Amino acid sequence: MTITLGTVTLTAYMIPGHSLCGMAVYGIIDEKKCIFTGDSVFAHGQVLIQPLYDVSLHPYASAMKKLAELEVDAFFPGHGVFVLEHGEDHIRRASDKFQSGLIPPQLYYFA
């Protein structure tokens, strides 16, 4: 889904994995390619996989692969630090782990 607000066009990407209805929003704001990832992916390629009924790794990995194809300057996750340059590097870290059959590092661990 894409929406235009004045001079800014934002595109929403569904990111099932952390939860069934996870999403990220991508757009160019003041000439910077920005992404807002909510709880889908965090700085340093961290993710948040919870022991819940609607968490599924295969769709999560597929969604991360799509996000990793985007050019991203500024990266704004729902928790932790923001990244204002080379944001795609952080997303690619998570995607590369998933694509190699591994789980990316967790933002938090649940007992």
N, C-alpha and C. Protein backbone atom coordinates (compact mmCIF):
# COMPACT_ATOMS: atom_id res chain seq x y z
N MET A 1 0.85 -1.17 0.00
CA MET A 1 0.00 0.00 0.00
C MET A 1 0.90 1.24 0.00
N THR A 2 0.52 2.23 -0.79
CA THR A 2 1.27 3.49 -0.88
C THR A 2 0.32 4.65 -0.64
N ILE A 3 0.81 5.65 0.09
CA ILE A 3 0.02 6.85 0.36
C ILE A 3 0.94 8.06 0.20
N THR A 4 0.39 9.14 -0.37
CA THR A 4 1.15 10.38 -0.53
C THR A 4 0.58 11.44 0.40
N LEU A 5 1.46 12.05 1.17
CA LEU A 5 1.09 13.13 2.08
C LEU A 5 1.92 14.34 1.70
N GLY A 6 1.34 15.27 0.99
CA GLY A 6 2.09 16.44 0.51
C GLY A 6 3.16 16.00 -0.46
N THR A 7 4.41 16.24 -0.11
CA THR A 7 5.52 15.86 -0.99
C THR A 7 6.15 14.52 -0.61
N VAL A 8 5.58 13.84 0.36
CA VAL A 8 6.15 12.58 0.84
C VAL A 8 5.26 11.41 0.43
N THR A 9 5.85 10.42 -0.20
CA THR A 9 5.14 9.19 -0.53
C THR A 9 5.67 8.08 0.36
N LEU A 10 4.76 7.41 1.06
CA LEU A 10 5.12 6.34 1.98
C LEU A 10 4.56 5.02 1.47
N THR A 11 5.35 3.97 1.58
CA THR A 11 4.93 2.64 1.18
C THR A 11 4.97 1.73 2.39
N ALA A 12 3.88 1.00 2.62
CA ALA A 12 3.80 0.07 3.74
C ALA A 12 4.15 -1.34 3.27
N TYR A 13 4.93 -2.03 4.06
CA TYR A 13 5.32 -3.42 3.79
C TYR A 13 4.84 -4.28 4.95
N MET A 14 4.14 -5.34 4.65
CA MET A 14 3.73 -6.28 5.68
C MET A 14 4.94 -7.12 6.08
N ILE A 15 5.19 -7.23 7.37
CA ILE A 15 6.33 -7.97 7.90
C ILE A 15 5.83 -8.97 8.94
N PRO A 16 5.16 -10.04 8.49
CA PRO A 16 4.74 -11.04 9.48
C PRO A 16 5.97 -11.74 10.04
N GLY A 17 5.94 -12.06 11.29
CA GLY A 17 7.09 -12.72 11.92
C GLY A 17 7.12 -12.40 13.39
N HIS A 18 7.45 -11.16 13.73
CA HIS A 18 7.38 -10.76 15.15
C HIS A 18 5.95 -10.93 15.62
N SER A 19 5.02 -10.52 14.77
CA SER A 19 3.60 -10.77 14.97
C SER A 19 2.98 -10.89 13.58
N LEU A 20 1.78 -11.42 13.53
CA LEU A 20 1.12 -11.66 12.25
C LEU A 20 0.87 -10.37 11.48
N CYS A 21 0.67 -9.26 12.18
CA CYS A 21 0.31 -8.01 11.51
C CYS A 21 1.43 -6.97 11.56
N GLY A 22 2.68 -7.41 11.66
CA GLY A 22 3.80 -6.47 11.67
C GLY A 22 3.93 -5.75 10.34
N MET A 23 4.46 -4.55 10.40
CA MET A 23 4.65 -3.79 9.16
C MET A 23 5.82 -2.83 9.30
N ALA A 24 6.29 -2.37 8.14
CA ALA A 24 7.32 -1.33 8.06
C ALA A 24 6.83 -0.29 7.08
N VAL A 25 7.25 0.96 7.26
CA VAL A 25 6.85 2.05 6.36
C VAL A 25 8.12 2.69 5.82
N TYR A 26 8.17 2.83 4.48
CA TYR A 26 9.35 3.33 3.78
C TYR A 26 8.98 4.56 2.96
N GLY A 27 9.85 5.56 2.95
CA GLY A 27 9.61 6.75 2.14
C GLY A 27 10.82 7.65 2.10
N ILE A 28 10.79 8.62 1.21
CA ILE A 28 11.86 9.61 1.11
C ILE A 28 11.38 10.88 1.78
N ILE A 29 12.10 11.29 2.81
CA ILE A 29 11.73 12.47 3.60
C ILE A 29 12.94 13.39 3.62
N ASP A 30 12.76 14.61 3.13
CA ASP A 30 13.87 15.57 3.04
C ASP A 30 15.10 14.95 2.38
N GLU A 31 14.87 14.26 1.28
CA GLU A 31 15.91 13.64 0.45
C GLU A 31 16.62 12.47 1.12
N LYS A 32 16.12 12.01 2.26
CA LYS A 32 16.68 10.82 2.92
C LYS A 32 15.72 9.66 2.75
N LYS A 33 16.26 8.51 2.37
CA LYS A 33 15.45 7.29 2.26
C LYS A 33 15.30 6.73 3.67
N CYS A 34 14.06 6.77 4.17
CA CYS A 34 13.79 6.41 5.57
C CYS A 34 12.91 5.18 5.66
N ILE A 35 13.14 4.39 6.70
CA ILE A 35 12.26 3.27 6.99
C ILE A 35 11.96 3.24 8.49
N PHE A 36 10.70 2.99 8.78
CA PHE A 36 10.21 2.85 10.15
C PHE A 36 9.79 1.39 10.30
N THR A 37 10.51 0.63 11.11
CA THR A 37 10.32 -0.82 11.12
C THR A 37 9.50 -1.36 12.29
N GLY A 38 9.04 -0.49 13.17
CA GLY A 38 8.26 -0.99 14.30
C GLY A 38 9.05 -2.03 15.07
N ASP A 39 8.45 -3.21 15.27
CA ASP A 39 9.10 -4.29 16.02
C ASP A 39 9.67 -5.37 15.10
N SER A 40 9.85 -5.07 13.82
CA SER A 40 10.29 -6.09 12.86
C SER A 40 11.79 -6.32 12.84
N VAL A 41 12.57 -5.25 12.89
CA VAL A 41 14.03 -5.36 12.87
C VAL A 41 14.60 -4.12 13.56
N PHE A 42 15.74 -4.33 14.22
CA PHE A 42 16.34 -3.28 15.04
C PHE A 42 17.80 -3.07 14.65
N ALA A 43 18.42 -2.07 15.24
CA ALA A 43 19.83 -1.78 14.95
C ALA A 43 20.68 -3.02 15.17
N HIS A 44 21.75 -3.12 14.40
CA HIS A 44 22.70 -4.23 14.45
C HIS A 44 22.10 -5.55 13.97
N GLY A 45 20.99 -5.48 13.23
CA GLY A 45 20.38 -6.69 12.68
C GLY A 45 19.64 -7.53 13.69
N GLN A 46 19.29 -6.94 14.81
CA GLN A 46 18.56 -7.69 15.83
C GLN A 46 17.09 -7.80 15.46
N VAL A 47 16.45 -8.86 15.94
CA VAL A 47 15.02 -9.08 15.74
C VAL A 47 14.39 -9.35 17.10
N LEU A 48 13.09 -9.53 17.09
CA LEU A 48 12.37 -9.82 18.33
C LEU A 48 11.40 -10.97 18.04
N ILE A 49 11.85 -12.18 18.33
CA ILE A 49 11.03 -13.37 18.11
C ILE A 49 10.47 -13.79 19.47
N GLN A 50 9.15 -13.75 19.57
CA GLN A 50 8.48 -14.06 20.83
C GLN A 50 7.85 -15.44 20.75
N PRO A 51 7.72 -16.13 21.88
CA PRO A 51 7.07 -17.44 21.89
C PRO A 51 5.54 -17.29 21.87
N LEU A 52 5.01 -16.83 20.75
CA LEU A 52 3.57 -16.62 20.60
C LEU A 52 3.04 -17.46 19.45
N TYR A 53 1.73 -17.69 19.43
CA TYR A 53 1.11 -18.54 18.41
C TYR A 53 1.26 -17.99 17.00
N ASP A 54 1.35 -16.67 16.84
CA ASP A 54 1.37 -16.11 15.48
C ASP A 54 2.77 -15.77 14.97
N VAL A 55 3.81 -16.22 15.66
CA VAL A 55 5.19 -15.98 15.23
C VAL A 55 5.60 -17.12 14.30
N SER A 56 6.10 -16.76 13.11
CA SER A 56 6.51 -17.77 12.14
C SER A 56 7.80 -17.31 11.47
N LEU A 57 8.82 -18.15 11.47
CA LEU A 57 10.13 -17.74 10.95
C LEU A 57 10.18 -17.65 9.43
N HIS A 58 9.50 -18.54 8.72
CA HIS A 58 9.59 -18.51 7.26
C HIS A 58 9.06 -17.20 6.67
N PRO A 59 7.84 -16.75 7.04
CA PRO A 59 7.38 -15.45 6.53
C PRO A 59 8.26 -14.29 6.99
N TYR A 60 8.78 -14.38 8.19
CA TYR A 60 9.67 -13.35 8.73
C TYR A 60 10.91 -13.24 7.85
N ALA A 61 11.53 -14.38 7.53
CA ALA A 61 12.72 -14.40 6.69
C ALA A 61 12.43 -13.85 5.30
N SER A 62 11.30 -14.22 4.73
CA SER A 62 10.92 -13.72 3.40
C SER A 62 10.72 -12.21 3.40
N ALA A 63 10.08 -11.70 4.45
CA ALA A 63 9.84 -10.26 4.55
C ALA A 63 11.16 -9.51 4.73
N MET A 64 12.07 -10.04 5.53
CA MET A 64 13.38 -9.39 5.72
C MET A 64 14.15 -9.34 4.41
N LYS A 65 14.02 -10.38 3.60
CA LYS A 65 14.71 -10.40 2.30
C LYS A 65 14.21 -9.26 1.42
N LYS A 66 12.89 -9.01 1.43
CA LYS A 66 12.33 -7.89 0.65
C LYS A 66 12.82 -6.55 1.18
N LEU A 67 12.83 -6.38 2.49
CA LEU A 67 13.30 -5.12 3.07
C LEU A 67 14.78 -4.89 2.77
N ALA A 68 15.55 -5.97 2.75
CA ALA A 68 17.00 -5.85 2.52
C ALA A 68 17.31 -5.36 1.11
N GLU A 69 16.36 -5.44 0.20
CA GLU A 69 16.56 -4.96 -1.17
C GLU A 69 16.38 -3.45 -1.29
N LEU A 70 15.82 -2.81 -0.26
CA LEU A 70 15.59 -1.37 -0.30
C LEU A 70 16.87 -0.60 -0.01
N GLU A 71 17.01 0.56 -0.62
CA GLU A 71 18.08 1.48 -0.26
C GLU A 71 17.58 2.31 0.91
N VAL A 72 18.30 2.27 2.02
CA VAL A 72 17.85 2.95 3.24
C VAL A 72 18.98 3.78 3.81
N ASP A 73 18.71 5.06 4.01
CA ASP A 73 19.65 5.93 4.72
C ASP A 73 19.34 5.87 6.21
N ALA A 74 18.18 6.39 6.58
CA ALA A 74 17.78 6.50 7.99
C ALA A 74 16.84 5.36 8.35
N PHE A 75 17.12 4.74 9.48
CA PHE A 75 16.43 3.53 9.92
C PHE A 75 15.91 3.79 11.33
N PHE A 76 14.58 3.70 11.49
CA PHE A 76 13.94 4.02 12.77
C PHE A 76 13.17 2.80 13.29
N PRO A 77 13.79 1.99 14.14
CA PRO A 77 13.07 0.86 14.73
C PRO A 77 12.16 1.32 15.86
N GLY A 78 11.27 0.44 16.28
CA GLY A 78 10.34 0.76 17.36
C GLY A 78 10.97 0.82 18.74
N HIS A 79 12.16 0.23 18.88
CA HIS A 79 12.88 0.24 20.16
C HIS A 79 14.35 0.45 19.86
N GLY A 80 15.07 0.97 20.82
CA GLY A 80 16.51 1.11 20.67
C GLY A 80 16.91 2.34 19.87
N VAL A 81 18.13 2.29 19.36
CA VAL A 81 18.72 3.46 18.71
C VAL A 81 18.24 3.61 17.27
N PHE A 82 18.23 4.85 16.79
CA PHE A 82 17.98 5.16 15.39
C PHE A 82 19.31 5.17 14.66
N VAL A 83 19.27 4.89 13.38
CA VAL A 83 20.47 4.89 12.53
C VAL A 83 20.22 5.91 11.42
N LEU A 84 21.08 6.92 11.29
CA LEU A 84 20.84 8.00 10.34
C LEU A 84 21.63 7.86 9.04
N GLU A 85 22.54 6.90 8.96
CA GLU A 85 23.29 6.64 7.73
C GLU A 85 23.45 5.13 7.56
N HIS A 86 23.39 4.67 6.32
CA HIS A 86 23.60 3.26 5.99
C HIS A 86 22.64 2.33 6.74
N GLY A 87 21.40 2.74 6.84
CA GLY A 87 20.40 1.94 7.54
C GLY A 87 20.21 0.56 6.95
N GLU A 88 20.39 0.44 5.62
CA GLU A 88 20.19 -0.86 4.99
C GLU A 88 21.16 -1.92 5.51
N ASP A 89 22.32 -1.50 5.99
CA ASP A 89 23.29 -2.46 6.52
C ASP A 89 22.72 -3.25 7.69
N HIS A 90 21.94 -2.60 8.52
CA HIS A 90 21.36 -3.24 9.70
C HIS A 90 20.27 -4.23 9.30
N ILE A 91 19.47 -3.85 8.32
CA ILE A 91 18.41 -4.74 7.83
C ILE A 91 19.04 -5.95 7.14
N ARG A 92 20.08 -5.72 6.36
CA ARG A 92 20.75 -6.82 5.65
C ARG A 92 21.39 -7.81 6.62
N ARG A 93 21.86 -7.34 7.74
CA ARG A 93 22.43 -8.27 8.74
C ARG A 93 21.39 -9.29 9.17
N ALA A 94 20.19 -8.81 9.48
CA ALA A 94 19.12 -9.72 9.88
C ALA A 94 18.74 -10.63 8.73
N SER A 95 18.57 -10.07 7.55
CA SER A 95 18.19 -10.86 6.38
C SER A 95 19.23 -11.93 6.07
N ASP A 96 20.50 -11.56 6.11
CA ASP A 96 21.57 -12.52 5.80
C ASP A 96 21.56 -13.70 6.78
N LYS A 97 21.31 -13.42 8.05
CA LYS A 97 21.22 -14.51 9.04
C LYS A 97 20.07 -15.45 8.70
N PHE A 98 18.89 -14.87 8.44
CA PHE A 98 17.73 -15.69 8.07
C PHE A 98 18.03 -16.51 6.82
N GLN A 99 18.60 -15.89 5.80
CA GLN A 99 18.85 -16.57 4.53
C GLN A 99 19.88 -17.69 4.68
N SER A 100 20.75 -17.59 5.66
CA SER A 100 21.74 -18.65 5.89
C SER A 100 21.20 -19.75 6.80
N GLY A 101 19.92 -19.64 7.17
CA GLY A 101 19.30 -20.67 8.01
C GLY A 101 19.47 -20.45 9.50
N LEU A 102 19.97 -19.29 9.88
CA LEU A 102 20.16 -18.98 11.29
C LEU A 102 19.15 -17.94 11.75
N ILE A 103 19.00 -17.83 13.04
CA ILE A 103 18.13 -16.79 13.61
C ILE A 103 19.01 -15.60 13.97
N PRO A 104 18.64 -14.40 13.54
CA PRO A 104 19.42 -13.21 13.90
C PRO A 104 19.45 -13.02 15.42
N PRO A 105 20.40 -12.22 15.91
CA PRO A 105 20.44 -11.97 17.35
C PRO A 105 19.14 -11.33 17.83
N GLN A 106 18.76 -11.67 19.05
CA GLN A 106 17.52 -11.17 19.64
C GLN A 106 17.75 -9.83 20.32
N LEU A 107 16.77 -8.93 20.20
CA LEU A 107 16.81 -7.67 20.94
C LEU A 107 16.64 -7.95 22.43
N TYR A 108 15.67 -8.81 22.75
CA TYR A 108 15.42 -9.23 24.13
C TYR A 108 15.29 -10.74 24.14
N TYR A 109 15.56 -11.35 25.27
CA TYR A 109 15.38 -12.79 25.40
C TYR A 109 14.26 -13.06 26.38
N PHE A 110 13.45 -14.05 26.05
CA PHE A 110 12.32 -14.42 26.89
C PHE A 110 12.60 -15.76 27.54
N ALA A 111 12.30 -15.87 28.82
CA ALA A 111 12.53 -17.14 29.53
C ALA A 111 11.32 -18.03 29.43
